[in-house]
C-alpha atoms as a PDB file:
ATOM      1  CA  UNK A   1     -14.306  -6.164  45.242  1.00  0.00           C
ATOM      2  CA  UNK A   2     -12.898  -8.042  42.244  1.00  0.00           C
ATOM      3  CA  UNK A   3      -9.239  -8.295  41.743  1.00  0.00           C
ATOM      4  CA  UNK A   4      -8.593 -11.520  40.315  1.00  0.00           C
ATOM      5  CA  UNK A   5     -10.653 -13.810  37.929  1.00  0.00           C
ATOM      6  CA  UNK A   6     -10.644 -16.720  35.864  1.00  0.00           C
ATOM      7  CA  UNK A   7     -11.370 -17.381  31.938  1.00  0.00           C
ATOM      8  CA  UNK A   8     -10.362 -20.662  31.075  1.00  0.00           C
ATOM      9  CA  UNK A   9     -12.893 -21.800  28.762  1.00  0.00           C
ATOM     10  CA  UNK A  10     -11.680 -22.672  25.137  1.00  0.00           C
ATOM     11  CA  UNK A  11     -11.922 -20.291  22.313  1.00  0.00           C
ATOM     12  CA  UNK A  12     -14.844 -22.147  20.773  1.00  0.00           C
ATOM     13  CA  UNK A  13     -16.778 -22.257  23.738  1.00  0.00           C
ATOM     14  CA  UNK A  14     -16.243 -18.593  24.347  1.00  0.00           C
ATOM     15  CA  UNK A  15     -17.263 -17.785  21.012  1.00  0.00           C
ATOM     16  CA  UNK A  16     -20.297 -19.748  21.184  1.00  0.00           C
ATOM     17  CA  UNK A  17     -21.501 -18.409  24.434  1.00  0.00           C
ATOM     18  CA  UNK A  18     -21.284 -14.833  23.655  1.00  0.00           C
ATOM     19  CA  UNK A  19     -21.915 -14.956  20.247  1.00  0.00           C
ATOM     20  CA  UNK A  20     -18.254 -13.221  19.298  1.00  0.00           C
ATOM     21  CA  UNK A  21     -15.351 -13.907  17.072  1.00  0.00           C
ATOM     22  CA  UNK A  22     -12.390 -14.719  19.142  1.00  0.00           C
ATOM     23  CA  UNK A  23      -9.063 -13.752  18.272  1.00  0.00           C
ATOM     24  CA  UNK A  24      -5.912 -16.246  17.855  1.00  0.00           C
ATOM     25  CA  UNK A  25      -4.213 -14.483  20.751  1.00  0.00           C
ATOM     26  CA  UNK A  26      -6.694 -15.659  23.344  1.00  0.00           C
ATOM     27  CA  UNK A  27      -5.366 -17.932  25.705  1.00  0.00           C
ATOM     28  CA  UNK A  28      -7.115 -19.622  28.813  1.00  0.00           C
ATOM     29  CA  UNK A  29      -6.302 -17.793  31.899  1.00  0.00           C
ATOM     30  CA  UNK A  30      -6.610 -18.986  35.819  1.00  0.00           C
ATOM     31  CA  UNK A  31      -5.411 -15.693  37.488  1.00  0.00           C
ATOM     32  CA  UNK A  32      -6.299 -12.855  35.414  1.00  0.00           C
ATOM     33  CA  UNK A  33      -4.491  -9.785  37.618  1.00  0.00           C
ATOM     34  CA  UNK A  34      -4.617  -6.096  37.315  1.00  0.00           C
ATOM     35  CA  UNK A  35      -2.570  -4.348  34.907  1.00  0.00           C
ATOM     36  CA  UNK A  36      -2.705  -7.183  32.516  1.00  0.00           C
ATOM     37  CA  UNK A  37      -4.756  -7.359  29.319  1.00  0.00           C
ATOM     38  CA  UNK A  38      -8.536  -8.383  29.664  1.00  0.00           C
ATOM     39  CA  UNK A  39     -10.546 -10.098  27.118  1.00  0.00           C
ATOM     40  CA  UNK A  40     -13.762  -7.957  26.615  1.00  0.00           C
ATOM     41  CA  UNK A  41     -16.904  -7.433  24.501  1.00  0.00           C
ATOM     42  CA  UNK A  42     -16.968  -3.798  23.926  1.00  0.00           C
ATOM     43  CA  UNK A  43     -20.019  -1.324  22.961  1.00  0.00           C
ATOM     44  CA  UNK A  44     -17.778   0.003  20.280  1.00  0.00           C
ATOM     45  CA  UNK A  45     -17.566  -3.635  18.436  1.00  0.00           C
ATOM     46  CA  UNK A  46     -19.655  -5.903  20.158  1.00  0.00           C
ATOM     47  CA  UNK A  47     -19.346  -8.654  17.710  1.00  0.00           C
ATOM     48  CA  UNK A  48     -15.626  -9.501  18.751  1.00  0.00           C
ATOM     49  CA  UNK A  49     -13.340 -10.176  21.681  1.00  0.00           C
ATOM     50  CA  UNK A  50     -11.104  -7.336  22.398  1.00  0.00           C
ATOM     51  CA  UNK A  51      -7.957  -7.173  25.025  1.00  0.00           C
ATOM     52  CA  UNK A  52      -7.676  -3.718  27.126  1.00  0.00           C
ATOM     53  CA  UNK A  53      -5.668  -3.441  30.311  1.00  0.00           C
ATOM     54  CA  UNK A  54      -7.241  -3.853  33.690  1.00  0.00           C
ATOM     55  CA  UNK A  55      -6.962  -0.561  35.638  1.00  0.00           C
ATOM     56  CA  UNK A  56      -8.915   2.139  34.251  1.00  0.00           C
ATOM     57  CA  UNK A  57      -6.909   5.503  33.450  1.00  0.00           C
ATOM     58  CA  UNK A  58      -9.272   8.422  33.365  1.00  0.00           C
ATOM     59  CA  UNK A  59      -9.104  10.432  30.155  1.00  0.00           C
ATOM     60  CA  UNK A  60      -7.976  13.475  32.073  1.00  0.00           C
ATOM     61  CA  UNK A  61      -4.905  11.817  33.907  1.00  0.00           C
ATOM     62  CA  UNK A  62      -1.844  13.871  33.641  1.00  0.00           C
ATOM     63  CA  UNK A  63       0.278  10.709  32.609  1.00  0.00           C
ATOM     64  CA  UNK A  64       0.076   6.844  32.015  1.00  0.00           C
ATOM     65  CA  UNK A  65       2.056   6.053  35.229  1.00  0.00           C
ATOM     66  CA  UNK A  66      -1.077   7.280  37.356  1.00  0.00           C
ATOM     67  CA  UNK A  67      -2.833   4.596  39.417  1.00  0.00           C
ATOM     68  CA  UNK A  68      -5.496   2.920  37.526  1.00  0.00           C
ATOM     69  CA  UNK A  69      -9.004   1.932  39.052  1.00  0.00           C
ATOM     70  CA  UNK A  70      -9.730  -1.942  38.628  1.00  0.00           C
ATOM     71  CA  UNK A  71     -13.275  -1.440  40.128  1.00  0.00           C
ATOM     72  CA  UNK A  72     -15.680   1.091  40.195  1.00  0.00           C
ATOM     73  CA  UNK A  73     -18.761   0.989  42.689  1.00  0.00           C
ATOM     74  CA  UNK A  74     -22.250   0.677  40.615  1.00  0.00           C
ATOM     75  CA  UNK A  75     -23.869   2.871  43.202  1.00  0.00           C
ATOM     76  CA  UNK A  76     -21.897   5.941  42.686  1.00  0.00           C
ATOM     77  CA  UNK A  77     -20.507   5.459  39.194  1.00  0.00           C
ATOM     78  CA  UNK A  78     -22.799   7.990  37.655  1.00  0.00           C
ATOM     79  CA  UNK A  79     -21.614  10.821  39.994  1.00  0.00           C
ATOM     80  CA  UNK A  80     -17.521   9.877  40.370  1.00  0.00           C
ATOM     81  CA  UNK A  81     -15.363  12.176  37.734  1.00  0.00           C
ATOM     82  CA  UNK A  82     -12.909   9.049  37.134  1.00  0.00           C
ATOM     83  CA  UNK A  83     -16.050   7.100  35.782  1.00  0.00           C
ATOM     84  CA  UNK A  84     -19.004   9.037  34.581  1.00  0.00           C
ATOM     85  CA  UNK A  85     -18.054   9.691  30.985  1.00  0.00           C
ATOM     86  CA  UNK A  86     -17.182   6.076  30.598  1.00  0.00           C
ATOM     87  CA  UNK A  87     -20.303   4.751  31.919  1.00  0.00           C
ATOM     88  CA  UNK A  88     -22.332   6.805  29.481  1.00  0.00           C
ATOM     89  CA  UNK A  89     -20.275   6.193  26.667  1.00  0.00           C
ATOM     90  CA  UNK A  90     -17.790   3.433  26.918  1.00  0.00           C
ATOM     91  CA  UNK A  91     -19.158   0.212  28.346  1.00  0.00           C
ATOM     92  CA  UNK A  92     -18.474  -3.436  28.131  1.00  0.00           C
ATOM     93  CA  UNK A  93     -18.944  -7.032  29.022  1.00  0.00           C
ATOM     94  CA  UNK A  94     -16.100  -8.886  30.698  1.00  0.00           C
ATOM     95  CA  UNK A  95     -16.292 -12.635  30.485  1.00  0.00           C
ATOM     96  CA  UNK A  96     -15.434 -14.917  33.175  1.00  0.00           C
ATOM     97  CA  UNK A  97     -15.920 -18.534  34.505  1.00  0.00           C
ATOM     98  CA  UNK A  98     -15.152 -17.427  38.032  1.00  0.00           C
ATOM     99  CA  UNK A  99     -13.492 -14.901  40.427  1.00  0.00           C
ATOM    100  CA  UNK A 100     -11.333 -14.904  43.529  1.00  0.00           C
ATOM    101  CA  UNK A 101     -11.817 -13.018  47.101  1.00  0.00           C
ATOM    102  CA  UNK A 102      -9.911 -13.463  50.336  1.00  0.00           C
ATOM    103  CA  UNK A 103     -10.843 -13.543  53.896  1.00  0.00           C
ATOM    104  CA  UNK A 104      -8.752 -12.966  57.107  1.00  0.00           C
ATOM    105  CA  UNK A 105      -5.847 -10.652  58.252  1.00  0.00           C
ATOM    106  CA  UNK A 106      -3.258  -9.446  56.039  1.00  0.00           C
ATOM    107  CA  UNK A 107      -0.187 -11.803  55.941  1.00  0.00           C
ATOM    108  CA  UNK A 108      -2.516 -14.810  56.348  1.00  0.00           C
ATOM    109  CA  UNK A 109      -5.521 -14.394  54.060  1.00  0.00           C
ATOM    110  CA  UNK A 110      -7.141 -17.274  52.518  1.00  0.00           C
ATOM    111  CA  UNK A 111      -8.236 -16.997  48.804  1.00  0.00           C
ATOM    112  CA  UNK A 112     -11.404 -18.553  47.502  1.00  0.00           C
ATOM    113  CA  UNK A 113     -12.728 -18.983  44.041  1.00  0.00           C
ATOM    114  CA  UNK A 114     -16.236 -18.060  43.224  1.00  0.00           C
ATOM    115  CA  UNK A 115     -17.860 -19.917  40.496  1.00  0.00           C
ATOM    116  CA  UNK A 116     -20.646 -22.058  39.233  1.00  0.00           C
ATOM    117  CA  UNK A 117     -20.476 -25.736  39.992  1.00  0.00           C
ATOM    118  CA  UNK A 118     -19.710 -26.648  36.294  1.00  0.00           C
ATOM    119  CA  UNK A 119     -17.441 -23.281  35.518  1.00  0.00           C
ATOM    120  CA  UNK A 120     -20.039 -22.239  33.234  1.00  0.00           C
ATOM    121  CA  UNK A 121     -19.420 -18.799  31.585  1.00  0.00           C
ATOM    122  CA  UNK A 122     -20.778 -15.328  32.810  1.00  0.00           C
ATOM    123  CA  UNK A 123     -20.485 -11.722  32.163  1.00  0.00           C
ATOM    124  CA  UNK A 124     -19.063  -9.190  34.511  1.00  0.00           C
ATOM    125  CA  UNK A 125     -20.158  -5.365  33.942  1.00  0.00           C
ATOM    126  CA  UNK A 126     -17.125  -3.355  32.858  1.00  0.00           C
ATOM    127  CA  UNK A 127     -16.446   0.305  31.490  1.00  0.00           C
ATOM    128  CA  UNK A 128     -13.423   1.004  29.397  1.00  0.00           C
ATOM    129  CA  UNK A 129     -11.456   4.213  28.596  1.00  0.00           C
ATOM    130  CA  UNK A 130      -9.036   5.326  25.947  1.00  0.00           C
ATOM    131  CA  UNK A 131      -6.251   7.878  27.504  1.00  0.00           C
ATOM    132  CA  UNK A 132      -4.225   9.734  24.815  1.00  0.00           C
ATOM    133  CA  UNK A 133      -0.700  11.180  25.587  1.00  0.00           C
ATOM    134  CA  UNK A 134       0.409  14.794  24.788  1.00  0.00           C
ATOM    135  CA  UNK A 135       0.575  16.010  21.163  1.00  0.00           C
ATOM    136  CA  UNK A 136       2.453  18.664  19.695  1.00  0.00           C
ATOM    137  CA  UNK A 137       2.103  20.706  16.413  1.00  0.00           C
ATOM    138  CA  UNK A 138       4.114  19.971  13.501  1.00  0.00           C
ATOM    139  CA  UNK A 139       6.776  22.623  12.576  1.00  0.00           C
ATOM    140  CA  UNK A 140       6.424  24.425  15.989  1.00  0.00           C
ATOM    141  CA  UNK A 141       9.961  23.619  16.711  1.00  0.00           C
ATOM    142  CA  UNK A 142      11.103  25.548  13.594  1.00  0.00           C
ATOM    143  CA  UNK A 143       9.298  28.772  14.687  1.00  0.00           C
ATOM    144  CA  UNK A 144      11.452  31.822  14.418  1.00  0.00           C
ATOM    145  CA  UNK A 145      11.625  34.653  17.214  1.00  0.00           C
ATOM    146  CA  UNK A 146       8.728  36.437  15.294  1.00  0.00           C
ATOM    147  CA  UNK A 147       6.636  33.413  16.108  1.00  0.00           C
ATOM    148  CA  UNK A 148       5.580  33.447  12.359  1.00  0.00           C
ATOM    149  CA  UNK A 149       4.955  29.938  10.944  1.00  0.00           C
ATOM    150  CA  UNK A 150       7.680  28.840   8.468  1.00  0.00           C
ATOM    151  CA  UNK A 151       7.017  28.111   5.054  1.00  0.00           C
ATOM    152  CA  UNK A 152       6.236  24.257   4.412  1.00  0.00           C
ATOM    153  CA  UNK A 153       4.812  23.706   7.839  1.00  0.00           C
ATOM    154  CA  UNK A 154       1.064  22.676   8.141  1.00  0.00           C
ATOM    155  CA  UNK A 155       0.823  23.234  11.796  1.00  0.00           C
ATOM    156  CA  UNK A 156      -1.360  20.191  12.319  1.00  0.00           C
ATOM    157  CA  UNK A 157      -1.081  17.910  15.441  1.00  0.00           C
ATOM    158  CA  UNK A 158       0.840  14.914  15.330  1.00  0.00           C
ATOM    159  CA  UNK A 159      -0.604  11.601  16.713  1.00  0.00           C
ATOM    160  CA  UNK A 160      -0.553  11.302  20.255  1.00  0.00           C
ATOM    161  CA  UNK A 161       2.751  10.180  21.836  1.00  0.00           C
ATOM    162  CA  UNK A 162       1.014   7.373  23.678  1.00  0.00           C
ATOM    163  CA  UNK A 163      -2.679   5.536  23.512  1.00  0.00           C
ATOM    164  CA  UNK A 164      -3.840   3.393  26.159  1.00  0.00           C
ATOM    165  CA  UNK A 165      -7.283   1.540  26.640  1.00  0.00           C
ATOM    166  CA  UNK A 166      -8.069   0.380  29.988  1.00  0.00           C
ATOM    167  CA  UNK A 167     -10.985  -1.173  31.933  1.00  0.00           C
ATOM    168  CA  UNK A 168     -12.527  -1.237  35.391  1.00  0.00           C
ATOM    169  CA  UNK A 169     -15.083  -3.921  36.838  1.00  0.00           C
ATOM    170  CA  UNK A 170     -18.327  -2.722  38.365  1.00  0.00           C
ATOM    171  CA  UNK A 171     -19.021  -3.723  41.859  1.00  0.00           C
ATOM    172  CA  UNK A 172     -22.035  -4.099  43.971  1.00  0.00           C
ATOM    173  CA  UNK A 173     -23.212  -5.388  47.303  1.00  0.00           C
ATOM    174  CA  UNK A 174     -22.371  -9.244  47.819  1.00  0.00           C
ATOM    175  CA  UNK A 175     -25.237 -11.969  47.778  1.00  0.00           C
ATOM    176  CA  UNK A 176     -25.275 -15.588  48.352  1.00  0.00           C
ATOM    177  CA  UNK A 177     -22.063 -17.315  49.342  1.00  0.00           C
ATOM    178  CA  UNK A 178     -19.955 -14.228  48.359  1.00  0.00           C
ATOM    179  CA  UNK A 179     -21.665 -12.422  51.224  1.00  0.00           C
ATOM    180  CA  UNK A 180     -19.721 -14.787  53.525  1.00  0.00           C
ATOM    181  CA  UNK A 181     -16.560 -13.945  52.401  1.00  0.00           C
ATOM    182  CA  UNK A 182     -16.483 -10.179  51.446  1.00  0.00           C
ATOM    183  CA  UNK A 183     -19.180  -7.268  51.112  1.00  0.00           C
ATOM    184  CA  UNK A 184     -18.672  -6.699  47.644  1.00  0.00           C
ATOM    185  CA  UNK A 185     -18.707  -8.511  44.227  1.00  0.00           C
ATOM    186  CA  UNK A 186     -18.637  -7.887  40.617  1.00  0.00           C
ATOM    187  CA  UNK A 187     -21.959  -6.759  38.995  1.00  0.00           C
ATOM    188  CA  UNK A 188     -23.038  -9.980  37.134  1.00  0.00           C
ATOM    189  CA  UNK A 189     -25.967 -10.039  34.522  1.00  0.00           C
ATOM    190  CA  UNK A 190     -28.776 -12.581  33.756  1.00  0.00           C
ATOM    191  CA  UNK A 191     -27.663 -14.245  30.361  1.00  0.00           C
ATOM    192  CA  UNK A 192     -30.638 -12.754  28.816  1.00  0.00           C
ATOM    193  CA  UNK A 193     -29.796  -9.234  29.924  1.00  0.00           C
ATOM    194  CA  UNK A 194     -26.030  -9.057  29.043  1.00  0.00           C
ATOM    195  CA  UNK A 195     -26.270  -7.163  25.916  1.00  0.00           C
ATOM    196  CA  UNK A 196     -28.696  -4.861  27.464  1.00  0.00           C
ATOM    197  CA  UNK A 197     -25.624  -3.283  29.098  1.00  0.00           C
ATOM    198  CA  UNK A 198     -23.892  -2.366  26.017  1.00  0.00           C
ATOM    199  CA  UNK A 199     -26.698  -0.411  24.682  1.00  0.00           C
ATOM    200  CA  UNK A 200     -27.631   1.211  28.278  1.00  0.00           C
ATOM    201  CA  UNK A 201     -27.418   4.871  27.206  1.00  0.00           C
ATOM    202  CA  UNK A 202     -30.163   5.875  29.806  1.00  0.00           C
ATOM    203  CA  UNK A 203     -29.092   6.613  33.262  1.00  0.00           C
ATOM    204  CA  UNK A 204     -32.163   4.976  34.576  1.00  0.00           C
ATOM    205  CA  UNK A 205     -31.890   1.928  32.462  1.00  0.00           C
ATOM    206  CA  UNK A 206     -28.417   1.560  33.793  1.00  0.00           C
ATOM    207  CA  UNK A 207     -29.232   1.852  37.302  1.00  0.00           C
ATOM    208  CA  UNK A 208     -31.804  -0.964  36.896  1.00  0.00           C
ATOM    209  CA  UNK A 209     -29.411  -3.340  35.155  1.00  0.00           C
ATOM    210  CA  UNK A 210     -26.728  -2.864  37.887  1.00  0.00           C
ATOM    211  CA  UNK A 211     -29.096  -4.217  40.743  1.00  0.00           C
ATOM    212  CA  UNK A 212     -27.416  -7.012  42.939  1.00  0.00           C
ATOM    213  CA  UNK A 213     -28.332 -10.285  41.140  1.00  0.00           C
ATOM    214  CA  UNK A 214     -27.907 -13.343  43.224  1.00  0.00           C
ATOM    215  CA  UNK A 215     -26.768 -15.995  40.474  1.00  0.00           C
ATOM    216  CA  UNK A 216     -28.367 -19.151  41.097  1.00  0.00           C
ATOM    217  CA  UNK A 217     -25.788 -22.084  41.516  1.00  0.00           C
ATOM    218  CA  UNK A 218     -22.773 -19.852  42.423  1.00  0.00           C
ATOM    219  CA  UNK A 219     -20.574 -21.499  44.930  1.00  0.00           C
ATOM    220  CA  UNK A 220     -17.317 -20.650  46.842  1.00  0.00           C
ATOM    221  CA  UNK A 221     -14.610 -22.845  47.798  1.00  0.00           C
ATOM    222  CA  UNK A 222     -11.041 -22.458  49.150  1.00  0.00           C
ATOM    223  CA  UNK A 223      -8.138 -22.536  46.711  1.00  0.00           C
ATOM    224  CA  UNK A 224      -4.458 -22.218  46.890  1.00  0.00           C
ATOM    225  CA  UNK A 225      -2.764 -19.412  48.316  1.00  0.00           C
ATOM    226  CA  UNK A 226      -0.469 -19.719  45.305  1.00  0.00           C
ATOM    227  CA  UNK A 227      -3.206 -17.563  43.591  1.00  0.00           C
ATOM    228  CA  UNK A 228      -1.741 -14.513  45.654  1.00  0.00           C
ATOM    229  CA  UNK A 229       1.187 -14.269  43.103  1.00  0.00           C
ATOM    230  CA  UNK A 230      -0.167 -12.935  39.794  1.00  0.00           C
ATOM    231  CA  UNK A 231       2.761 -14.580  38.265  1.00  0.00           C
ATOM    232  CA  UNK A 232       1.165 -17.856  38.944  1.00  0.00           C
ATOM    233  CA  UNK A 233      -1.169 -18.822  36.145  1.00  0.00           C
ATOM    234  CA  UNK A 234      -1.909 -22.668  35.873  1.00  0.00           C
ATOM    235  CA  UNK A 235      -5.124 -25.094  36.261  1.00  0.00           C
ATOM    236  CA  UNK A 236      -4.033 -26.070  40.126  1.00  0.00           C
ATOM    237  CA  UNK A 237      -4.980 -22.563  41.186  1.00  0.00           C
ATOM    238  CA  UNK A 238      -8.618 -23.658  40.514  1.00  0.00           C
ATOM    239  CA  UNK A 239      -8.427 -26.880  42.488  1.00  0.00           C
ATOM    240  CA  UNK A 240     -10.459 -26.996  45.810  1.00  0.00           C
ATOM    241  CA  UNK A 241      -8.336 -27.361  49.104  1.00  0.00           C
ATOM    242  CA  UNK A 242      -9.382 -28.901  52.058  1.00  0.00           C
ATOM    243  CA  UNK A 243     -11.555 -27.056  54.600  1.00  0.00           C
END
C-alpha cells in the first residue's frame, strides 16, 4: 500500500520536471499523510499543480464524514463501484520523491523510506473524485399548503452545501526492494509514459499502463519512528537510521 510519502523538491525543480506551473502555496513535505492536501497533476488541468484531499470520497457517499479510500488496487479498479467512475474520467499523477512503508508487528513497526538514491522525482498513479453535498430548491420553504410555487420563486437549485475533491493512489504488486518489506507498492510510471495515464480513456490502455514497474535505482532504508506521527514533518524524517 502507500500510506505516507515525501515531496520535498523545490518548486522550480517540480515545475521543470513535470512541465507544470507550481502555485505559491506549494511547500516541501517530508510526511504527506491521509486527510491532508496532496499536490497533483489532474487530467482536468494538466498544466499546473493542484491540491486535493488524500482519501477518495465516492460521488455517491451519503455525507463527507464517510471513510475515504487512500489507496485503490490497480488489478480491480475497473470493477469496484467506489473507483470505476473515477478511473474512467478523473485520473491524475501524484508527484513524489519517496514513500514510506512499515515492517513488523503493531506496536513495534519499523518504517522504511523507498526512494531513488538521488531523491529524484517520480509520478504515482492516482484517481480523483468530486463529491457534492445536498442541494435544495430556492423558494421551497415558502410553498403553501396547496403546493403551488409562490410568485417570484425561480425553483432553481442552490449551490451544493459542500464540495470536496479527493484523491486515491493506485497500488500494485511490490517489486525490487519494496518486495522485501511489503507485498504492495504505488503504481509508478516510467518517466516517458507518465502523461499517457492522463489520456488513457480506453480500459485496455489503462491496464497496460498499470502493470508493475520495477524502477531501476530504487532503494529502501530504515528511518526514524518519528514518521509514524503525521504531525511530524521535517527533514530529519528522511535521514537513514542505523541497521
